[in-house]
Amino acid sequence: MPSAFQFQCHLVLIFLAASKGETRYLEVRDAGEDDPFLLLSEDLKRELSAGQIYRRSLRCIDMLSIEGQFTFTADQPQLHCATFFIGEPEELITIHYDFVNIDCQGGDFLKVFDGWILKGEKFPSSLDHPLTTSQRYVDFCESGNVQRSIRSSQNVAMIFFRIQLPGNGFTVTVKKSSNLFPCNVISQTPSGRFTMVIPHQHRNCSFSIIYPVVIKISDLILGHLNGLFLKKPSTSCAGVGDFVELLGGAGLDPSKMFPLADLCHSFHGSAQMKIGCDNTVLRMVSSGKHINRVTFEYHQLDLQETEIRKENSIEEFCFPSI
């Protein structure tokens, strides 16, 4: 994973919501010396033969984008731990409990959250997720063997846990499945190209890029024609029903980010925007009456690009944070 993303994640992972609606704080010690971020490299993919299962131990704070079997065994009381799972945009993540040995009566817990929580903020936001916040949590100590497999609603999920007795722990198997119409996505990379399609569904979908980026929308199909508006007090797409908005901010939750621009009309061409915020989100709002589609590409913004204004750029935002 690129160093910029690692650096930002090291900062935000010191905060973790460890229960419904409540935030607990994590201490991440010597994070730079023991890198918790393992994304599957092409070399490792070539080494794993067909049918071979990847296995390794989990750290207290960890991140994974690989299928396999993962085991955590406490060597000392571990009070605030989390593992973050991420897949490709078109993948869903299934977490299956193979073995669990924790003391639920003594205060241990092991929970799966459908999405991510970073610094007390959720992705997808409560406005964009099909489940309520309480339904997005699955607590092993409450469900036990009743629900041993949990599948995410998007390409990210997480587990967070407390294990106080050395020697106790758990083993999970992580698998991925295809998502025909990806909706809410966190990008693994600072550059890429993506097409989001919402086929006659009343839902909101966000694509989150945890980098300052240049984002270029090349194709937008909505169920109506209207206009293109920069966010100003007197102009917006409110009431239109189907539109795309660009958001920027320092957190993870799109509903708490600053709205930068609304796109309310279908077009074929190019609309480019430089967003120097820590996190950039393209969010599509769909009434369910139409098939809406947007194609865009993005790449990480560097300081040199902040000094170059191209003709098709709409406006520039958040540069003081770079």
Foldseek 3Di string as FASTA:
>chain_A
DDPLVQVLCVVFQQKACPDQLRIDGHDDPPCVVPPQEDEDDPVNVVVADPPRADEDEHDQEHEYADFHKYKYFAQAWRAKGKYKYFYAFFKKKKKFWPDFFADVVVPKWKKKFQAGATNNATPAHCQFDPDHRVVRIDICVVCPPVDRMDMHPGRMMMMIITGHDGGGITMIGMDMDGHPARFEHEDPAQWDKDKHKDALDQGKGKYKYQAFKKKKWAWKDDPDADAWWFDDPVDDCPPVAWWKWKFAAADDYRVPTHTTIIGRGTDGGIAIEGEHHSMIMIMIGHNSPHIIMIMMIMHHDDPVVVVDDDPRYDYYDDVVVD
